Protein backbone atom coordinates (compact mmCIF):
# COMPACT_ATOMS: atom_id res chain seq x y z
CA UNK A 1 4.93 10.30 13.81
CA UNK A 2 3.76 10.19 10.16
CA UNK A 3 0.86 7.83 10.96
CA UNK A 4 -0.63 9.04 14.27
CA UNK A 5 -3.84 7.03 13.85
CA UNK A 6 -2.07 3.71 13.14
CA UNK A 7 -0.39 1.10 15.29
CA UNK A 8 3.40 0.91 14.77
CA UNK A 9 4.10 -1.33 11.78
CA UNK A 10 0.47 -1.40 10.60
CA UNK A 11 0.40 1.58 8.26
CA UNK A 12 -1.91 1.27 5.26
CA UNK A 13 -0.43 1.62 1.75
CA UNK A 14 -2.32 4.87 1.17
CA UNK A 15 0.56 7.23 1.92
CA UNK A 16 -1.24 9.82 -0.17
CA UNK A 17 -3.68 10.25 2.74
CA UNK A 18 -0.70 11.35 4.84
CA UNK A 19 0.89 13.59 2.17
CA UNK A 20 3.52 10.92 1.43
CA UNK A 21 4.47 9.52 -1.98
CA UNK A 22 3.30 6.00 -2.77
CA UNK A 23 5.56 3.49 -4.54
CA UNK A 24 4.66 -0.01 -5.66
CA UNK A 25 6.73 -2.73 -7.27
CA UNK A 26 5.80 -3.71 -10.80
CA UNK A 27 5.28 -7.34 -9.67
CA UNK A 28 2.53 -6.21 -7.26
CA UNK A 29 1.02 -3.95 -9.90
CA UNK A 30 0.54 -7.02 -12.10
CA UNK A 31 -1.54 -8.82 -9.44
CA UNK A 32 -5.32 -8.86 -9.50
CA UNK A 33 -5.68 -7.92 -5.81
CA UNK A 34 -3.65 -7.04 -2.75
CA UNK A 35 -4.11 -7.51 1.01
CA UNK A 36 -2.70 -5.07 3.56
CA UNK A 37 -3.00 -3.84 7.14
CA UNK A 38 -5.38 -0.95 7.71
CA UNK A 39 -3.94 0.73 10.76
CA UNK A 40 -4.09 -2.13 13.27
CA UNK A 41 -2.54 -5.56 13.63
CA UNK A 42 -5.99 -7.14 13.91
CA UNK A 43 -7.56 -5.89 10.69
CA UNK A 44 -6.64 -6.16 7.04
CA UNK A 45 -8.27 -5.31 3.75
CA UNK A 46 -8.32 -6.91 0.32
CA UNK A 47 -8.67 -4.57 -2.64
CA UNK A 48 -8.40 -4.94 -6.39
CA UNK A 49 -5.07 -3.53 -7.54
CA UNK A 50 -6.89 -1.41 -10.12
CA UNK A 51 -8.87 0.28 -7.32
CA UNK A 52 -5.72 0.83 -5.26
CA UNK A 53 -3.96 2.38 -8.26
CA UNK A 54 -6.93 4.67 -8.94
CA UNK A 55 -7.06 5.85 -5.31
CA UNK A 56 -3.37 6.03 -4.36
CA UNK A 57 -1.88 6.90 -7.78
CA UNK A 58 1.39 5.10 -6.96
CA UNK A 59 4.67 5.38 -8.80
CA UNK A 60 5.31 1.93 -10.27
CA UNK A 61 8.91 0.72 -10.51
CA UNK A 62 11.18 -2.23 -9.93
CA UNK A 63 12.05 -2.12 -6.23
CA UNK A 64 12.18 -5.82 -5.29
CA UNK A 65 14.72 -8.45 -6.25
CA UNK A 66 13.44 -11.98 -6.76
CA UNK A 67 16.14 -14.61 -6.38
């Protein structure tokens, strides 16, 4: 219900466009670029992390555990 224009499971990481907070793991924030779905299961987008951070203004934290 939060993403009416997206296929189930293909939400983009721009929760801010849907009035939702955006969180990103510090390990991803240290990468040069990221690739993600853009609303469908057939299309994806690659964007520089710096551009993503500027647009989405995510909260960066440690959310993943690497074994």
